[in-house]
């Protein structure tokens, strides 16, 4: 991955521009900078030729994607669940009477990326849960364009895996919550779509913007019973995330373009999963519904309230919401 030449740099200070519907038509320049899971910027050529050999390998060998189970009985050491291997599930600590949450990382990341243990620990410190970390690093560690083109395949594979878990254990789809960050947000959308929208919740954490703004297959409101998106770096001039409403309920923390104590887009982008993990623990961030994007930008939203994030599987809401947060955890 080429990193030496910065051909397109995001501003160090995110501008406080209004969130605008026109972002759906925003076209990124050919060369951009996009972060990996550790917050390191890489130069991305959005016109790079797709690595079809890698895509075909992912399609042929779905077991390249790992499903790693953590529960309160094994909070730090994973158990590997394998699709179509009933014993891998039945002999594990998976409990169908507990809620199941799947965490999907973004580009150039894997099971060791920070968001996985942070979200995992938030759930397991709170109560019983089957936390499944999806490691799709075999594809995600490839170039951005190839990874982006492989998201539908990995997402559909995740949906099929959850269908297998449902058939094997009886765990209902109504007890499942899929959480994806950046490219992973669109991935979990495809997983929910594969199951006909039967999953209880899908949450997209700052869904990736490059090559997705005008892509009709991005995360959408029909991918689960309830779909939520949290936008933290959606500025119209090259933000890492999609800056417009795409879900049932869309939250724009602090306006959705720049976050308190952040001076880079990387910090803004990662704040989405940091905020989500905090809401699982405390359920303390309340959004106010906004009637326009201008209200989001000016912080004049006065509509109904809806809690952002959290682990409520019966949650539902619609509309656009602004929520103001503090500078430090738990925000």
Protein backbone atom coordinates (compact mmCIF):
# COMPACT_ATOMS: atom_id res chain seq x y z
CA UNK A 1 0.00 0.00 0.00
CA UNK A 2 1.53 3.28 -1.08
CA UNK A 3 1.92 5.85 1.67
CA UNK A 4 4.91 7.93 0.71
CA UNK A 5 3.26 10.62 -1.39
CA UNK A 6 0.33 12.55 -0.04
CA UNK A 7 -1.56 13.50 -3.18
CA UNK A 8 -4.70 14.49 -1.39
CA UNK A 9 -4.69 15.56 2.23
CA UNK A 10 -7.64 16.07 4.47
CA UNK A 11 -7.58 19.29 6.42
CA UNK A 12 -6.07 18.93 9.87
CA UNK A 13 -8.91 20.95 11.22
CA UNK A 14 -12.34 19.75 10.11
CA UNK A 15 -14.38 22.66 8.83
CA UNK A 16 -17.71 23.37 10.41
CA UNK A 17 -19.64 23.24 7.16
CA UNK A 18 -23.31 22.27 7.21
CA UNK A 19 -24.22 18.68 6.46
CA UNK A 20 -25.72 18.83 2.99
CA UNK A 21 -27.77 16.44 0.91
CA UNK A 22 -25.51 17.21 -2.04
CA UNK A 23 -22.82 14.99 -0.52
CA UNK A 24 -24.59 12.10 -2.17
CA UNK A 25 -23.23 13.50 -5.45
CA UNK A 26 -19.83 14.50 -4.06
CA UNK A 27 -17.01 12.98 -6.06
CA UNK A 28 -13.68 12.39 -4.40
CA UNK A 29 -10.51 13.10 -6.36
CA UNK A 30 -8.70 10.08 -7.77
CA UNK A 31 -6.09 10.03 -5.01
CA UNK A 32 -7.16 10.36 -1.40
CA UNK A 33 -5.82 9.55 2.03
CA UNK A 34 -7.77 6.96 4.04
CA UNK A 35 -6.92 5.52 7.47
CA UNK A 36 -6.33 1.95 8.51
CA UNK A 37 -7.57 0.52 11.79
CA UNK A 38 -4.60 1.95 13.66
CA UNK A 39 -5.21 5.48 12.39
CA UNK A 40 -2.35 5.46 9.86
CA UNK A 41 -3.12 7.23 6.59
CA UNK A 42 -2.57 5.44 3.30
CA UNK A 43 -2.70 6.87 -0.20
CA UNK A 44 -5.65 5.32 -2.05
CA UNK A 45 -6.13 5.37 -5.80
CA UNK A 46 -9.89 5.23 -6.27
CA UNK A 47 -9.36 4.22 -9.90
CA UNK A 48 -7.00 1.36 -9.09
CA UNK A 49 -7.68 -1.87 -10.92
CA UNK A 50 -9.54 -4.42 -8.84
CA UNK A 51 -7.54 -7.47 -7.76
CA UNK A 52 -9.91 -10.08 -9.20
CA UNK A 53 -7.73 -12.96 -8.05
CA UNK A 54 -8.17 -11.88 -4.44
CA UNK A 55 -11.92 -11.42 -4.89
CA UNK A 56 -12.25 -14.87 -6.45
CA UNK A 57 -10.24 -16.39 -3.61
CA UNK A 58 -12.54 -14.77 -1.04
CA UNK A 59 -15.55 -16.16 -2.89
CA UNK A 60 -14.03 -19.66 -3.11
CA UNK A 61 -12.81 -19.77 0.46
CA UNK A 62 -15.30 -18.12 2.81
CA UNK A 63 -13.40 -19.62 5.76
CA UNK A 64 -10.78 -16.94 5.19
CA UNK A 65 -13.24 -14.82 7.19
CA UNK A 66 -13.02 -15.72 10.86
CA UNK A 67 -15.94 -15.65 13.30
CA UNK A 68 -14.42 -15.29 16.75
CA UNK A 69 -16.72 -15.81 19.74
CA UNK A 70 -16.23 -14.12 23.10
CA UNK A 71 -18.55 -14.59 26.09
CA UNK A 72 -18.31 -14.00 29.83
CA UNK A 73 -16.91 -17.54 30.06
CA UNK A 74 -14.11 -16.62 27.62
CA UNK A 75 -13.94 -12.83 27.62
CA UNK A 76 -10.40 -12.52 26.26
CA UNK A 77 -9.65 -15.77 24.42
CA UNK A 78 -11.78 -16.41 21.36
CA UNK A 79 -13.44 -19.57 20.16
CA UNK A 80 -13.61 -19.97 16.37
CA UNK A 81 -17.03 -20.70 14.90
CA UNK A 82 -17.05 -22.25 11.43
CA UNK A 83 -19.98 -22.07 9.02
CA UNK A 84 -21.54 -25.49 8.31
CA UNK A 85 -19.57 -27.02 11.19
CA UNK A 86 -22.26 -27.62 13.79
CA UNK A 87 -19.82 -28.90 16.40
CA UNK A 88 -17.82 -25.68 16.28
CA UNK A 89 -20.93 -23.90 17.51
CA UNK A 90 -22.50 -26.55 19.74
CA UNK A 91 -19.21 -27.20 21.55
CA UNK A 92 -18.54 -23.50 22.09
CA UNK A 93 -19.79 -21.13 24.77
CA UNK A 94 -22.42 -19.71 22.41
CA UNK A 95 -25.72 -19.43 24.31
CA UNK A 96 -28.82 -18.90 22.17
CA UNK A 97 -30.69 -17.40 25.14
CA UNK A 98 -28.23 -14.49 25.24
CA UNK A 99 -28.16 -11.58 22.80
CA UNK A 100 -25.65 -11.82 19.95
CA UNK A 101 -23.62 -8.88 18.69
CA UNK A 102 -21.34 -9.03 15.66
CA UNK A 103 -18.53 -6.49 15.27
CA UNK A 104 -17.17 -5.82 11.76
CA UNK A 105 -13.98 -3.76 11.38
CA UNK A 106 -13.11 -1.51 8.47
CA UNK A 107 -10.38 -1.30 5.85
CA UNK A 108 -6.78 -2.41 6.50
CA UNK A 109 -7.82 -3.87 9.84
CA UNK A 110 -8.28 -7.24 11.51
CA UNK A 111 -9.35 -8.87 14.79
CA UNK A 112 -6.68 -6.96 16.72
CA UNK A 113 -7.88 -3.50 15.73
CA UNK A 114 -8.79 -1.36 18.75
CA UNK A 115 -12.53 -1.10 18.18
CA UNK A 116 -12.99 -4.87 18.61
CA UNK A 117 -11.85 -5.23 22.25
CA UNK A 118 -13.36 -1.87 23.21
CA UNK A 119 -16.86 -2.75 21.98
CA UNK A 120 -16.49 -6.37 23.13
CA UNK A 121 -15.58 -5.33 26.65
CA UNK A 122 -18.42 -2.81 26.81
CA UNK A 123 -20.90 -5.61 26.17
CA UNK A 124 -19.33 -8.27 28.38
CA UNK A 125 -18.72 -5.89 31.28
CA UNK A 126 -22.41 -5.06 31.18
CA UNK A 127 -24.02 -8.47 30.91
CA UNK A 128 -24.27 -11.81 29.17
CA UNK A 129 -23.77 -11.74 25.42
CA UNK A 130 -22.38 -13.68 22.51
CA UNK A 131 -19.89 -11.24 21.01
CA UNK A 132 -18.66 -12.35 17.59
CA UNK A 133 -15.74 -10.48 16.09
CA UNK A 134 -15.70 -10.86 12.31
CA UNK A 135 -12.10 -10.83 11.08
CA UNK A 136 -12.25 -10.24 7.32
CA UNK A 137 -8.66 -9.05 7.22
CA UNK A 138 -7.71 -11.40 4.37
CA UNK A 139 -9.63 -9.06 2.06
CA UNK A 140 -9.57 -5.89 4.13
CA UNK A 141 -5.76 -5.82 4.07
CA UNK A 142 -5.85 -5.51 0.28
CA UNK A 143 -6.15 -2.24 -1.59
CA UNK A 144 -9.20 -0.10 -0.80
CA UNK A 145 -10.92 -0.52 -4.16
CA UNK A 146 -10.63 -4.31 -4.05
CA UNK A 147 -11.80 -4.43 -0.43
CA UNK A 148 -14.73 -2.18 -1.28
CA UNK A 149 -15.73 -4.46 -4.17
CA UNK A 150 -15.51 -7.50 -1.89
CA UNK A 151 -17.75 -6.05 0.82
CA UNK A 152 -20.95 -7.52 -0.72
CA UNK A 153 -19.46 -11.03 -0.78
CA UNK A 154 -18.20 -10.87 2.81
CA UNK A 155 -21.47 -9.31 3.97
CA UNK A 156 -23.60 -11.96 2.33
CA UNK A 157 -21.30 -14.59 3.83
CA UNK A 158 -21.87 -13.12 7.29
CA UNK A 159 -25.62 -13.27 6.69
CA UNK A 160 -25.36 -16.93 5.68
CA UNK A 161 -23.24 -17.66 8.74
CA UNK A 162 -25.87 -16.12 11.02
CA UNK A 163 -28.54 -18.14 9.24
CA UNK A 164 -26.49 -21.25 10.01
CA UNK A 165 -26.15 -20.23 13.68
CA UNK A 166 -29.91 -19.64 13.83
CA UNK A 167 -30.65 -23.08 12.36
CA UNK A 168 -28.07 -24.81 14.57
CA UNK A 169 -28.89 -23.24 17.93
CA UNK A 170 -32.34 -21.70 17.55
CA UNK A 171 -30.95 -18.25 18.35
CA UNK A 172 -33.57 -15.86 16.98
CA UNK A 173 -32.70 -13.07 14.57
CA UNK A 174 -34.58 -10.80 16.99
CA UNK A 175 -31.68 -11.26 19.43
CA UNK A 176 -28.97 -10.20 16.94
CA UNK A 177 -27.28 -6.81 16.51
CA UNK A 178 -24.71 -6.20 13.76
CA UNK A 179 -22.27 -3.33 14.32
CA UNK A 180 -19.90 -2.22 11.56
CA UNK A 181 -17.34 0.57 11.32
CA UNK A 182 -16.39 2.42 8.12
CA UNK A 183 -16.33 -0.18 5.31
CA UNK A 184 -17.66 -2.62 7.88
CA UNK A 185 -20.83 -0.54 8.18
CA UNK A 186 -21.76 -1.34 4.58
CA UNK A 187 -20.68 -4.95 5.11
CA UNK A 188 -23.18 -5.52 7.94
CA UNK A 189 -25.82 -3.90 5.76
CA UNK A 190 -25.29 -6.61 3.17
CA UNK A 191 -25.47 -9.24 5.93
CA UNK A 192 -28.83 -7.91 7.07
CA UNK A 193 -30.04 -7.77 3.47
CA UNK A 194 -29.05 -11.41 2.97
CA UNK A 195 -31.47 -12.30 5.78
CA UNK A 196 -34.30 -10.21 4.38
CA UNK A 197 -34.04 -7.50 7.02
CA UNK A 198 -34.97 -9.92 9.82
CA UNK A 199 -32.04 -9.00 12.08
CA UNK A 200 -33.15 -6.88 15.05
CA UNK A 201 -30.58 -4.11 14.61
CA UNK A 202 -27.81 -2.93 12.34
CA UNK A 203 -25.63 -0.02 13.45
CA UNK A 204 -23.27 1.72 11.03
CA UNK A 205 -20.42 3.61 12.70
CA UNK A 206 -19.35 6.46 10.40
CA UNK A 207 -20.06 4.44 7.24
CA UNK A 208 -17.23 4.87 4.73
CA UNK A 209 -17.74 7.63 2.17
CA UNK A 210 -15.28 7.02 -0.72
CA UNK A 211 -17.00 5.06 -3.53
CA UNK A 212 -20.16 4.77 -1.39
CA UNK A 213 -21.75 8.24 -1.45
CA UNK A 214 -23.49 7.65 -4.76
CA UNK A 215 -23.56 3.85 -4.46
CA UNK A 216 -27.13 2.64 -4.08
CA UNK A 217 -25.87 -0.50 -2.30
CA UNK A 218 -24.62 1.39 0.75
CA UNK A 219 -26.07 0.69 4.19
CA UNK A 220 -29.81 1.35 4.05
CA UNK A 221 -32.98 1.46 6.16
CA UNK A 222 -34.29 -1.93 5.05
CA UNK A 223 -31.24 -3.95 6.09
CA UNK A 224 -32.72 -4.78 9.52
CA UNK A 225 -35.83 -4.17 11.59
CA UNK A 226 -34.02 -1.05 12.82
CA UNK A 227 -31.00 0.54 11.16
CA UNK A 228 -29.02 3.31 12.81
CA UNK A 229 -26.05 5.31 11.54
CA UNK A 230 -23.70 7.47 13.60
CA UNK A 231 -21.94 10.09 11.47
CA UNK A 232 -18.82 11.68 12.97
CA UNK A 233 -16.66 12.65 9.98
CA UNK A 234 -19.07 13.43 7.18
CA UNK A 235 -17.85 16.82 6.01
CA UNK A 236 -18.68 17.64 2.41
CA UNK A 237 -15.03 18.24 1.51
CA UNK A 238 -13.45 14.82 1.74
CA UNK A 239 -14.69 13.44 5.03
CA UNK A 240 -13.95 9.77 5.60
CA UNK A 241 -17.64 9.03 6.25
CA UNK A 242 -20.95 9.54 4.49
CA UNK A 243 -22.37 12.81 5.76
CA UNK A 244 -26.02 12.36 4.84
CA UNK A 245 -28.92 10.38 6.30
CA UNK A 246 -29.00 6.79 5.01
CA UNK A 247 -30.68 4.79 7.80
CA UNK A 248 -33.93 4.74 9.78
CA UNK A 249 -32.36 7.02 12.37
CA UNK A 250 -29.19 8.99 11.66
CA UNK A 251 -27.23 10.66 14.44
CA UNK A 252 -24.85 13.56 13.85
CA UNK A 253 -22.78 13.98 17.03
CA UNK A 254 -21.68 17.59 17.45
CA UNK A 255 -22.94 18.29 13.93
CA UNK A 256 -21.40 15.22 12.33
CA UNK A 257 -18.28 16.83 10.81
CA UNK A 258 -15.83 17.48 13.66
CA UNK A 259 -15.64 16.14 17.18
CA UNK A 260 -14.55 17.79 20.45
CA UNK A 261 -10.82 17.38 21.19
CA UNK A 262 -10.21 16.11 17.64
CA UNK A 263 -7.94 17.98 15.25
CA UNK A 264 -7.81 15.34 12.50
CA UNK A 265 -10.33 13.46 10.41
CA UNK A 266 -8.89 10.21 11.74
CA UNK A 267 -9.90 11.20 15.26
CA UNK A 268 -13.35 12.27 14.04
CA UNK A 269 -13.83 8.98 12.16
CA UNK A 270 -12.80 6.77 15.09
CA UNK A 271 -14.95 8.74 17.51
CA UNK A 272 -17.98 6.89 16.09
CA UNK A 273 -17.00 3.56 17.62
CA UNK A 274 -15.74 5.21 20.80
CA UNK A 275 -19.11 6.91 21.27
CA UNK A 276 -21.01 3.71 20.52
CA UNK A 277 -19.04 1.69 23.07
CA UNK A 278 -19.71 4.36 25.69
CA UNK A 279 -23.45 4.24 25.00
CA UNK A 280 -23.50 0.48 25.46
CA UNK A 281 -22.10 1.04 28.93
CA UNK A 282 -24.07 4.12 29.94
CA UNK A 283 -26.88 4.80 27.44
CA UNK A 284 -26.39 8.48 28.23
CA UNK A 285 -26.25 10.31 24.88
CA UNK A 286 -29.61 11.74 23.83
CA UNK A 287 -30.28 13.13 20.39
CA UNK A 288 -32.82 15.78 19.44
CA UNK A 289 -34.63 15.36 16.14
CA UNK A 290 -33.83 17.94 13.48
CA UNK A 291 -36.12 19.18 10.74
CA UNK A 292 -33.28 20.28 8.46
CA UNK A 293 -29.57 19.92 7.89
CA UNK A 294 -29.17 23.57 8.76
CA UNK A 295 -30.56 22.83 12.22
CA UNK A 296 -27.96 20.06 12.61
CA UNK A 297 -25.19 22.49 11.73
CA UNK A 298 -26.47 25.37 13.86
CA UNK A 299 -27.41 23.13 16.81
CA UNK A 300 -31.00 24.34 16.87
CA UNK A 301 -32.74 20.94 16.83
CA UNK A 302 -35.74 20.89 19.15
CA UNK A 303 -37.65 17.77 18.10
CA UNK A 304 -38.33 14.52 19.90
CA UNK A 305 -35.58 12.74 21.79
CA UNK A 306 -33.95 9.43 20.92
CA UNK A 307 -31.03 7.72 22.63
CA UNK A 308 -28.01 7.26 20.40
CA UNK A 309 -26.37 3.85 20.17
CA UNK A 310 -26.84 1.46 23.13
CA UNK A 311 -27.63 -2.26 23.11
CA UNK A 312 -31.45 -2.15 23.13
CA UNK A 313 -32.65 -4.80 20.68
CA UNK A 314 -36.20 -3.42 20.72
CA UNK A 315 -35.12 0.10 19.87
CA UNK A 316 -36.73 1.91 16.97
CA UNK A 317 -36.79 5.44 15.67
CA UNK A 318 -36.65 7.49 12.51
CA UNK A 319 -35.32 10.86 11.43
CA UNK A 320 -32.14 12.90 11.80
CA UNK A 321 -30.77 13.73 15.25
CA UNK A 322 -28.07 15.93 16.68
CA UNK A 323 -26.41 14.93 19.93
CA UNK A 324 -23.80 16.95 21.79
CA UNK A 325 -21.02 15.16 23.61
CA UNK A 326 -18.14 15.93 25.93
CA UNK A 327 -14.47 15.86 24.92
CA UNK A 328 -13.40 12.75 26.82
CA UNK A 329 -14.72 9.28 27.62
CA UNK A 330 -17.49 8.53 28.38
CA UNK A 331 -18.35 11.67 26.42
